[in-house]
Amino acid sequence: MDSNPKQPGKLGKIWRPIIEITFIIFLFYSNLLMGEFTRTNGAGKTLAFAVQDIFTVTNFVIAVICALLGYLVIEYLRRRF
């Protein structure tokens, strides 16, 4: 096999953005979940209720847009510096 480990293959070029965007979305939802428990920590507040409250279409659209913008900014800075 004549593979060069210093040059990523096409699969690496696809997986890197997917992993980075998914990580940004994970951070967005974990931040929402922490905020859900600190904002209103009333009696009867369960994890299931909090998860149901934060996983909405609106939050998902915001998360994807922010993740794409974050990825583009990070890639710009990587190439710039």
N, C-alpha and C. Protein backbone atom coordinates (compact mmCIF):
# COMPACT_ATOMS: atom_id res chain seq x y z
N MET A 1 0.83 -1.18 0.00
CA MET A 1 0.00 0.00 0.00
C MET A 1 0.88 1.24 0.00
N ASP A 2 0.56 2.16 -0.87
CA ASP A 2 1.31 3.40 -0.96
C ASP A 2 0.52 4.58 -0.41
N SER A 3 0.04 4.42 0.79
CA SER A 3 -0.70 5.53 1.38
C SER A 3 0.25 6.41 2.18
N ASN A 4 0.07 7.70 2.05
CA ASN A 4 0.91 8.66 2.76
C ASN A 4 0.13 9.14 3.98
N PRO A 5 0.59 8.84 5.21
CA PRO A 5 -0.17 9.22 6.39
C PRO A 5 -0.24 10.73 6.62
N LYS A 6 0.61 11.50 5.97
CA LYS A 6 0.59 12.96 6.17
C LYS A 6 -0.49 13.64 5.34
N GLN A 7 -0.98 12.98 4.30
CA GLN A 7 -2.04 13.55 3.48
C GLN A 7 -3.35 12.83 3.79
N PRO A 8 -4.34 13.56 4.33
CA PRO A 8 -5.61 12.90 4.60
C PRO A 8 -6.33 12.56 3.30
N GLY A 9 -7.04 11.46 3.33
CA GLY A 9 -7.80 11.04 2.17
C GLY A 9 -9.07 11.84 2.03
N LYS A 10 -9.86 11.49 1.05
CA LYS A 10 -11.12 12.19 0.83
C LYS A 10 -12.08 11.98 2.00
N LEU A 11 -12.02 10.82 2.61
CA LEU A 11 -12.89 10.56 3.74
C LEU A 11 -12.55 11.48 4.91
N GLY A 12 -11.28 11.77 5.09
CA GLY A 12 -10.86 12.69 6.15
C GLY A 12 -11.36 14.09 5.91
N LYS A 13 -11.42 14.50 4.66
CA LYS A 13 -11.93 15.82 4.31
C LYS A 13 -13.42 15.94 4.57
N ILE A 14 -14.11 14.82 4.55
CA ILE A 14 -15.55 14.82 4.80
C ILE A 14 -15.83 14.72 6.30
N TRP A 15 -15.09 13.86 6.99
CA TRP A 15 -15.37 13.61 8.41
C TRP A 15 -14.98 14.76 9.31
N ARG A 16 -13.94 15.48 8.98
CA ARG A 16 -13.50 16.59 9.84
C ARG A 16 -14.58 17.64 10.02
N PRO A 17 -15.18 18.17 8.95
CA PRO A 17 -16.25 19.15 9.15
C PRO A 17 -17.47 18.56 9.86
N ILE A 18 -17.79 17.32 9.56
CA ILE A 18 -18.95 16.69 10.20
C ILE A 18 -18.72 16.58 11.70
N ILE A 19 -17.54 16.14 12.10
CA ILE A 19 -17.23 16.00 13.52
C ILE A 19 -17.21 17.36 14.21
N GLU A 20 -16.60 18.35 13.59
CA GLU A 20 -16.53 19.67 14.21
C GLU A 20 -17.89 20.34 14.34
N ILE A 21 -18.72 20.23 13.31
CA ILE A 21 -20.07 20.81 13.35
C ILE A 21 -20.92 20.07 14.38
N THR A 22 -20.80 18.75 14.44
CA THR A 22 -21.55 17.98 15.43
C THR A 22 -21.12 18.35 16.85
N PHE A 23 -19.84 18.58 17.06
CA PHE A 23 -19.35 18.97 18.38
C PHE A 23 -19.89 20.34 18.79
N ILE A 24 -19.95 21.27 17.85
CA ILE A 24 -20.51 22.59 18.16
C ILE A 24 -21.99 22.47 18.51
N ILE A 25 -22.73 21.62 17.80
CA ILE A 25 -24.15 21.40 18.12
C ILE A 25 -24.28 20.76 19.49
N PHE A 26 -23.39 19.81 19.82
CA PHE A 26 -23.40 19.20 21.14
C PHE A 26 -23.18 20.25 22.23
N LEU A 27 -22.22 21.14 22.03
CA LEU A 27 -21.96 22.19 23.01
C LEU A 27 -23.17 23.12 23.16
N PHE A 28 -23.83 23.42 22.05
CA PHE A 28 -25.03 24.27 22.09
C PHE A 28 -26.11 23.63 22.95
N TYR A 29 -26.39 22.34 22.69
CA TYR A 29 -27.46 21.67 23.45
C TYR A 29 -27.07 21.43 24.91
N SER A 30 -25.80 21.16 25.18
CA SER A 30 -25.41 20.99 26.58
C SER A 30 -25.53 22.31 27.34
N ASN A 31 -25.24 23.41 26.67
CA ASN A 31 -25.41 24.72 27.28
C ASN A 31 -26.89 25.00 27.54
N LEU A 32 -27.75 24.65 26.60
CA LEU A 32 -29.19 24.82 26.81
C LEU A 32 -29.68 23.97 27.97
N LEU A 33 -29.18 22.74 28.06
CA LEU A 33 -29.61 21.85 29.14
C LEU A 33 -29.18 22.38 30.50
N MET A 34 -27.95 22.86 30.59
CA MET A 34 -27.50 23.43 31.86
C MET A 34 -28.31 24.67 32.22
N GLY A 35 -28.61 25.49 31.23
CA GLY A 35 -29.41 26.68 31.47
C GLY A 35 -30.83 26.34 31.88
N GLU A 36 -31.35 25.26 31.36
CA GLU A 36 -32.71 24.84 31.71
C GLU A 36 -32.81 24.48 33.19
N PHE A 37 -31.77 23.89 33.73
CA PHE A 37 -31.80 23.50 35.14
C PHE A 37 -31.45 24.65 36.07
N THR A 38 -30.63 25.58 35.63
CA THR A 38 -30.28 26.69 36.51
C THR A 38 -31.32 27.81 36.46
N ARG A 39 -32.02 27.95 35.34
CA ARG A 39 -33.00 29.01 35.19
C ARG A 39 -34.23 28.75 36.05
N THR A 40 -34.81 27.59 35.89
CA THR A 40 -36.01 27.25 36.65
C THR A 40 -35.79 25.89 37.28
N ASN A 41 -35.39 25.88 38.49
CA ASN A 41 -35.13 24.63 39.18
C ASN A 41 -36.28 24.34 40.14
N GLY A 42 -37.47 24.25 39.57
CA GLY A 42 -38.65 24.04 40.39
C GLY A 42 -38.84 22.57 40.77
N ALA A 43 -39.79 22.35 41.63
CA ALA A 43 -40.09 20.98 42.05
C ALA A 43 -40.69 20.21 40.88
N GLY A 44 -40.32 18.97 40.76
CA GLY A 44 -40.84 18.13 39.69
C GLY A 44 -40.12 18.30 38.37
N LYS A 45 -39.05 19.07 38.35
CA LYS A 45 -38.27 19.27 37.12
C LYS A 45 -37.39 18.04 36.89
N THR A 46 -37.65 17.32 35.84
CA THR A 46 -36.89 16.11 35.56
C THR A 46 -36.04 16.31 34.31
N LEU A 47 -35.11 15.39 34.11
CA LEU A 47 -34.27 15.43 32.92
C LEU A 47 -35.12 15.25 31.67
N ALA A 48 -36.10 14.38 31.73
CA ALA A 48 -36.97 14.15 30.57
C ALA A 48 -37.72 15.42 30.19
N PHE A 49 -38.20 16.15 31.19
CA PHE A 49 -38.91 17.40 30.92
C PHE A 49 -37.97 18.43 30.29
N ALA A 50 -36.74 18.53 30.81
CA ALA A 50 -35.77 19.48 30.28
C ALA A 50 -35.38 19.15 28.85
N VAL A 51 -35.16 17.86 28.57
CA VAL A 51 -34.79 17.44 27.22
C VAL A 51 -35.93 17.73 26.26
N GLN A 52 -37.16 17.46 26.67
CA GLN A 52 -38.31 17.73 25.83
C GLN A 52 -38.45 19.23 25.57
N ASP A 53 -38.08 20.03 26.55
CA ASP A 53 -38.20 21.47 26.43
C ASP A 53 -37.14 22.08 25.51
N ILE A 54 -35.94 21.50 25.43
CA ILE A 54 -34.88 22.11 24.63
C ILE A 54 -34.78 21.54 23.21
N PHE A 55 -35.25 20.33 22.97
CA PHE A 55 -35.17 19.74 21.64
C PHE A 55 -36.39 20.14 20.82
N THR A 56 -36.30 21.34 20.24
CA THR A 56 -37.37 21.84 19.39
C THR A 56 -36.79 22.12 18.01
N VAL A 57 -37.65 22.31 17.05
CA VAL A 57 -37.21 22.61 15.69
C VAL A 57 -36.47 23.94 15.65
N THR A 58 -36.98 24.92 16.38
CA THR A 58 -36.34 26.23 16.41
C THR A 58 -34.93 26.15 16.97
N ASN A 59 -34.76 25.45 18.08
CA ASN A 59 -33.43 25.30 18.66
C ASN A 59 -32.50 24.54 17.73
N PHE A 60 -33.02 23.54 17.02
CA PHE A 60 -32.18 22.78 16.10
C PHE A 60 -31.71 23.65 14.94
N VAL A 61 -32.60 24.47 14.41
CA VAL A 61 -32.22 25.37 13.31
C VAL A 61 -31.16 26.36 13.78
N ILE A 62 -31.35 26.92 14.97
CA ILE A 62 -30.36 27.85 15.52
C ILE A 62 -29.03 27.14 15.72
N ALA A 63 -29.06 25.91 16.23
CA ALA A 63 -27.83 25.15 16.47
C ALA A 63 -27.08 24.88 15.17
N VAL A 64 -27.79 24.49 14.13
CA VAL A 64 -27.15 24.17 12.86
C VAL A 64 -26.56 25.43 12.23
N ILE A 65 -27.30 26.53 12.25
CA ILE A 65 -26.79 27.78 11.67
C ILE A 65 -25.55 28.25 12.44
N CYS A 66 -25.61 28.22 13.75
CA CYS A 66 -24.46 28.64 14.56
C CYS A 66 -23.27 27.71 14.35
N ALA A 67 -23.52 26.41 14.23
CA ALA A 67 -22.44 25.46 14.02
C ALA A 67 -21.76 25.68 12.67
N LEU A 68 -22.55 25.94 11.64
CA LEU A 68 -21.97 26.19 10.32
C LEU A 68 -21.17 27.49 10.31
N LEU A 69 -21.72 28.53 10.93
CA LEU A 69 -20.98 29.79 11.02
C LEU A 69 -19.70 29.63 11.84
N GLY A 70 -19.80 28.91 12.95
CA GLY A 70 -18.62 28.67 13.78
C GLY A 70 -17.56 27.88 13.03
N TYR A 71 -17.98 26.88 12.29
CA TYR A 71 -17.03 26.08 11.51
C TYR A 71 -16.35 26.94 10.45
N LEU A 72 -17.12 27.78 9.76
CA LEU A 72 -16.54 28.63 8.73
C LEU A 72 -15.53 29.62 9.32
N VAL A 73 -15.84 30.19 10.47
CA VAL A 73 -14.92 31.13 11.12
C VAL A 73 -13.64 30.40 11.54
N ILE A 74 -13.79 29.22 12.12
CA ILE A 74 -12.61 28.47 12.56
C ILE A 74 -11.74 28.07 11.37
N GLU A 75 -12.36 27.64 10.28
CA GLU A 75 -11.59 27.28 9.09
C GLU A 75 -10.89 28.50 8.49
N TYR A 76 -11.57 29.64 8.48
CA TYR A 76 -10.95 30.87 7.99
C TYR A 76 -9.72 31.21 8.83
N LEU A 77 -9.87 31.12 10.14
CA LEU A 77 -8.74 31.45 11.02
C LEU A 77 -7.61 30.44 10.88
N ARG A 78 -7.94 29.18 10.67
CA ARG A 78 -6.89 28.16 10.45
C ARG A 78 -6.08 28.46 9.21
N ARG A 79 -6.76 28.84 8.16
CA ARG A 79 -6.06 29.09 6.89
C ARG A 79 -5.34 30.44 6.91
N ARG A 80 -5.85 31.35 7.68
CA ARG A 80 -5.28 32.69 7.74
C ARG A 80 -3.99 32.71 8.55
N PHE A 81 -3.96 31.97 9.66
CA PHE A 81 -2.80 32.01 10.54
C PHE A 81 -2.10 30.72 10.45
